[in-house]
C-alpha atoms as a PDB file:
ATOM      1  CA  MET A   1      -8.185 -29.904 -53.206  1.00  0.00           C
ATOM      2  CA  ALA A   2     -10.729 -29.353 -55.832  1.00  0.00           C
ATOM      3  CA  VAL A   3     -10.381 -26.339 -59.016  1.00  0.00           C
ATOM      4  CA  GLN A   4     -12.195 -23.228 -57.075  1.00  0.00           C
ATOM      5  CA  SER A   5     -14.054 -20.622 -58.522  1.00  0.00           C
ATOM      6  CA  GLY A   6     -12.486 -17.367 -57.980  1.00  0.00           C
ATOM      7  CA  LYS A   7     -15.829 -15.253 -57.160  1.00  0.00           C
ATOM      8  CA  ASP A   8     -15.161 -17.875 -54.087  1.00  0.00           C
ATOM      9  CA  LEU A   9     -12.175 -15.572 -52.814  1.00  0.00           C
ATOM     10  CA  LEU A  10     -14.344 -13.029 -51.097  1.00  0.00           C
ATOM     11  CA  ILE A  11     -13.655  -9.540 -48.968  1.00  0.00           C
ATOM     12  CA  LYS A  12     -16.067  -9.175 -46.368  1.00  0.00           C
ATOM     13  CA  ILE A  13     -15.956  -5.482 -44.077  1.00  0.00           C
ATOM     14  CA  ASP A  14     -17.285  -5.333 -40.667  1.00  0.00           C
ATOM     15  CA  ILE A  15     -20.084  -3.288 -41.850  1.00  0.00           C
ATOM     16  CA  ASN A  16     -20.691  -1.399 -38.530  1.00  0.00           C
ATOM     17  CA  GLY A  17     -17.533  -2.208 -36.256  1.00  0.00           C
ATOM     18  CA  SER A  18     -19.876  -4.823 -34.279  1.00  0.00           C
ATOM     19  CA  GLN A  19     -17.942  -7.691 -36.095  1.00  0.00           C
ATOM     20  CA  GLN A  20     -20.938  -8.385 -38.322  1.00  0.00           C
ATOM     21  CA  PHE A  21     -19.411  -8.837 -41.662  1.00  0.00           C
ATOM     22  CA  GLU A  22     -20.621  -8.716 -45.205  1.00  0.00           C
ATOM     23  CA  THR A  23     -19.051  -8.910 -48.743  1.00  0.00           C
ATOM     24  CA  ILE A  24     -17.886  -5.662 -50.313  1.00  0.00           C
ATOM     25  CA  ALA A  25     -20.691  -5.228 -53.269  1.00  0.00           C
ATOM     26  CA  GLY A  26     -19.643  -5.565 -56.870  1.00  0.00           C
ATOM     27  CA  LEU A  27     -15.944  -6.839 -56.829  1.00  0.00           C
ATOM     28  CA  ARG A  28     -15.351  -8.919 -59.638  1.00  0.00           C
ATOM     29  CA  ALA A  29     -11.138  -9.679 -59.128  1.00  0.00           C
ATOM     30  CA  SER A  30      -9.601  -9.921 -55.894  1.00  0.00           C
ATOM     31  CA  ARG A  31      -6.341 -10.741 -54.156  1.00  0.00           C
ATOM     32  CA  ILE A  32      -4.697 -11.187 -50.396  1.00  0.00           C
ATOM     33  CA  SER A  33      -0.986 -11.230 -50.538  1.00  0.00           C
ATOM     34  CA  PHE A  34       1.185 -12.276 -47.283  1.00  0.00           C
ATOM     35  CA  ASN A  35       5.349 -11.020 -46.948  1.00  0.00           C
ATOM     36  CA  ALA A  36       7.573 -11.176 -44.347  1.00  0.00           C
ATOM     37  CA  GLU A  37      10.758  -9.232 -44.602  1.00  0.00           C
ATOM     38  CA  THR A  38      13.900 -11.429 -43.742  1.00  0.00           C
ATOM     39  CA  VAL A  39      16.824 -10.394 -41.447  1.00  0.00           C
ATOM     40  CA  ASP A  40      19.902 -11.502 -42.580  1.00  0.00           C
ATOM     41  CA  VAL A  41      22.435 -12.695 -39.526  1.00  0.00           C
ATOM     42  CA  THR A  42      25.344 -13.653 -41.981  1.00  0.00           C
ATOM     43  CA  SER A  43      28.687 -13.687 -40.404  1.00  0.00           C
ATOM     44  CA  LEU A  44      31.918 -14.599 -41.695  1.00  0.00           C
ATOM     45  CA  GLU A  45      31.824 -17.719 -39.529  1.00  0.00           C
ATOM     46  CA  SER A  46      28.272 -18.501 -41.557  1.00  0.00           C
ATOM     47  CA  THR A  47      29.113 -22.237 -42.704  1.00  0.00           C
ATOM     48  CA  GLY A  48      30.386 -22.017 -46.517  1.00  0.00           C
ATOM     49  CA  GLY A  49      29.481 -18.499 -46.883  1.00  0.00           C
ATOM     50  CA  TRP A  50      25.805 -19.168 -46.837  1.00  0.00           C
ATOM     51  CA  ARG A  51      23.427 -16.719 -46.105  1.00  0.00           C
ATOM     52  CA  GLU A  52      22.039 -17.205 -42.895  1.00  0.00           C
ATOM     53  CA  LEU A  53      18.498 -15.642 -41.350  1.00  0.00           C
ATOM     54  CA  LEU A  54      16.575 -15.084 -38.704  1.00  0.00           C
ATOM     55  CA  ALA A  55      14.058 -16.945 -37.806  1.00  0.00           C
ATOM     56  CA  GLY A  56      10.943 -15.752 -36.730  1.00  0.00           C
ATOM     57  CA  ALA A  57      12.653 -11.754 -37.209  1.00  0.00           C
ATOM     58  CA  GLY A  58      11.207  -9.446 -39.322  1.00  0.00           C
ATOM     59  CA  VAL A  59       7.706  -7.271 -40.146  1.00  0.00           C
ATOM     60  CA  ARG A  60       5.108  -9.578 -41.653  1.00  0.00           C
ATOM     61  CA  SER A  61       2.701  -7.934 -43.349  1.00  0.00           C
ATOM     62  CA  ALA A  62      -0.580  -8.615 -45.980  1.00  0.00           C
ATOM     63  CA  SER A  63      -2.378  -6.218 -48.313  1.00  0.00           C
ATOM     64  CA  ILE A  64      -5.468  -6.932 -49.823  1.00  0.00           C
ATOM     65  CA  SER A  65      -6.801  -5.258 -53.326  1.00  0.00           C
ATOM     66  CA  GLY A  66     -10.212  -5.819 -54.901  1.00  0.00           C
ATOM     67  CA  SER A  67     -11.931  -4.615 -58.345  1.00  0.00           C
ATOM     68  CA  GLY A  68     -15.275  -4.304 -59.650  1.00  0.00           C
ATOM     69  CA  VAL A  69     -18.003  -2.495 -60.765  1.00  0.00           C
ATOM     70  CA  PHE A  70     -19.619   0.679 -58.470  1.00  0.00           C
ATOM     71  CA  ARG A  71     -22.692   0.117 -57.099  1.00  0.00           C
ATOM     72  CA  ASP A  72     -23.323   1.902 -54.324  1.00  0.00           C
ATOM     73  CA  ALA A  73     -24.153  -0.109 -51.701  1.00  0.00           C
ATOM     74  CA  ASN A  74     -23.701  -0.553 -48.216  1.00  0.00           C
ATOM     75  CA  THR A  75     -20.434  -1.453 -48.109  1.00  0.00           C
ATOM     76  CA  ASP A  76     -19.464   1.175 -51.065  1.00  0.00           C
ATOM     77  CA  GLU A  77     -20.558   3.533 -48.587  1.00  0.00           C
ATOM     78  CA  ARG A  78     -18.793   2.295 -45.347  1.00  0.00           C
ATOM     79  CA  ALA A  79     -15.447   1.783 -47.492  1.00  0.00           C
ATOM     80  CA  ARG A  80     -15.516   5.421 -48.176  1.00  0.00           C
ATOM     81  CA  GLN A  81     -16.590   6.635 -45.032  1.00  0.00           C
ATOM     82  CA  ILE A  82     -13.357   4.196 -43.625  1.00  0.00           C
ATOM     83  CA  PHE A  83     -11.087   5.732 -46.337  1.00  0.00           C
ATOM     84  CA  PHE A  84     -11.864   9.408 -45.391  1.00  0.00           C
ATOM     85  CA  ASP A  85     -12.393   8.771 -41.194  1.00  0.00           C
ATOM     86  CA  GLY A  86      -8.820   7.210 -41.734  1.00  0.00           C
ATOM     87  CA  GLU A  87     -10.428   4.028 -39.639  1.00  0.00           C
ATOM     88  CA  VAL A  88      -8.527   0.549 -39.010  1.00  0.00           C
ATOM     89  CA  PRO A  89     -11.797  -2.284 -38.809  1.00  0.00           C
ATOM     90  CA  ASN A  90     -11.525  -5.666 -39.454  1.00  0.00           C
ATOM     91  CA  PHE A  91     -11.615  -7.160 -42.655  1.00  0.00           C
ATOM     92  CA  GLN A  92     -12.124 -11.177 -43.262  1.00  0.00           C
ATOM     93  CA  VAL A  93     -10.505 -13.104 -46.349  1.00  0.00           C
ATOM     94  CA  ILE A  94     -12.316 -15.865 -46.975  1.00  0.00           C
ATOM     95  CA  ILE A  95      -9.618 -18.185 -49.256  1.00  0.00           C
ATOM     96  CA  PRO A  96     -11.721 -21.484 -50.420  1.00  0.00           C
ATOM     97  CA  ASP A  97     -11.172 -24.715 -49.032  1.00  0.00           C
ATOM     98  CA  PHE A  98      -8.079 -22.778 -47.299  1.00  0.00           C
ATOM     99  CA  GLY A  99      -9.298 -20.583 -44.637  1.00  0.00           C
ATOM    100  CA  VAL A 100     -10.254 -16.958 -43.573  1.00  0.00           C
ATOM    101  CA  VAL A 101      -7.823 -14.140 -42.729  1.00  0.00           C
ATOM    102  CA  GLU A 102      -9.684 -11.879 -40.054  1.00  0.00           C
ATOM    103  CA  GLY A 103      -7.994  -8.557 -38.579  1.00  0.00           C
ATOM    104  CA  PRO A 104      -7.345  -4.900 -38.759  1.00  0.00           C
ATOM    105  CA  PHE A 105      -6.662  -3.200 -42.259  1.00  0.00           C
ATOM    106  CA  GLN A 106      -6.491   0.236 -43.469  1.00  0.00           C
ATOM    107  CA  ILE A 107      -7.887   1.382 -46.505  1.00  0.00           C
ATOM    108  CA  THR A 108      -4.946   3.110 -48.496  1.00  0.00           C
ATOM    109  CA  ALA A 109      -6.326   3.817 -52.094  1.00  0.00           C
ATOM    110  CA  ILE A 110      -9.802   3.648 -53.544  1.00  0.00           C
ATOM    111  CA  GLU A 111      -9.684   4.384 -57.475  1.00  0.00           C
ATOM    112  CA  TYR A 112     -13.555   4.725 -59.128  1.00  0.00           C
ATOM    113  CA  ALA A 113     -13.403   5.351 -62.991  1.00  0.00           C
ATOM    114  CA  GLY A 114     -15.799   4.770 -65.889  1.00  0.00           C
ATOM    115  CA  SER A 115     -15.888   5.170 -69.055  1.00  0.00           C
ATOM    116  CA  HIS A 116     -18.719   6.992 -71.847  1.00  0.00           C
ATOM    117  CA  ASN A 117     -19.768   3.431 -72.976  1.00  0.00           C
ATOM    118  CA  GLY A 118     -19.733   1.102 -69.834  1.00  0.00           C
ATOM    119  CA  GLU A 119     -19.853   0.844 -66.221  1.00  0.00           C
ATOM    120  CA  ALA A 120     -18.327   2.688 -63.196  1.00  0.00           C
ATOM    121  CA  THR A 121     -15.573   0.831 -61.559  1.00  0.00           C
ATOM    122  CA  TYR A 122     -13.762   0.782 -58.703  1.00  0.00           C
ATOM    123  CA  GLU A 123     -10.387  -0.587 -57.059  1.00  0.00           C
ATOM    124  CA  LEU A 124      -9.791  -1.072 -53.565  1.00  0.00           C
ATOM    125  CA  THR A 125      -6.261  -1.389 -51.979  1.00  0.00           C
ATOM    126  CA  LEU A 126      -5.488  -2.337 -48.485  1.00  0.00           C
ATOM    127  CA  ALA A 127      -3.015  -3.116 -45.837  1.00  0.00           C
ATOM    128  CA  SER A 128      -2.791  -5.198 -42.778  1.00  0.00           C
ATOM    129  CA  ALA A 129      -2.743  -2.452 -39.785  1.00  0.00           C
ATOM    130  CA  GLY A 130      -2.355  -4.869 -36.642  1.00  0.00           C
ATOM    131  CA  ALA A 131      -2.204  -8.790 -36.174  1.00  0.00           C
ATOM    132  CA  LEU A 132      -3.879 -11.149 -38.356  1.00  0.00           C
ATOM    133  CA  VAL A 133      -5.706 -14.608 -37.571  1.00  0.00           C
ATOM    134  CA  PHE A 134      -5.933 -17.401 -39.775  1.00  0.00           C
ATOM    135  CA  THR A 135      -8.208 -19.867 -39.340  1.00  0.00           C
ATOM    136  CA  ALA A 136      -8.239 -23.132 -41.077  1.00  0.00           C
ATOM    137  CA  LEU A 137     -11.721 -24.175 -43.094  1.00  0.00           C
END
């Protein structure tokens, strides 16, 4: 796999609830992480005292974060409305030369910042809120 440009990692939002996805405006940096809790089933009978984990058990989750410049675009307005209404719409994350992750996420934080001689910026944090689907590219 060739080296990829960070700008190709895209976070897209379902703009109107009809699976019409648009890239969230102004993002400069984005990140997705996947997590899986473990279920420890180690006992006195575990070989050599080594820890044993129960396969397929535990809670799986994903989180998305992004930061960028505030543009006041349709996607910014949609993100704000999702947060204040407590909606859990579908999002897509495009991971270049890897695949697309799609599913419901809740916006858990929106932060806005700005300095006197700089641009207005924002940060988003999202948490998975249901089953995610991965489609390889």
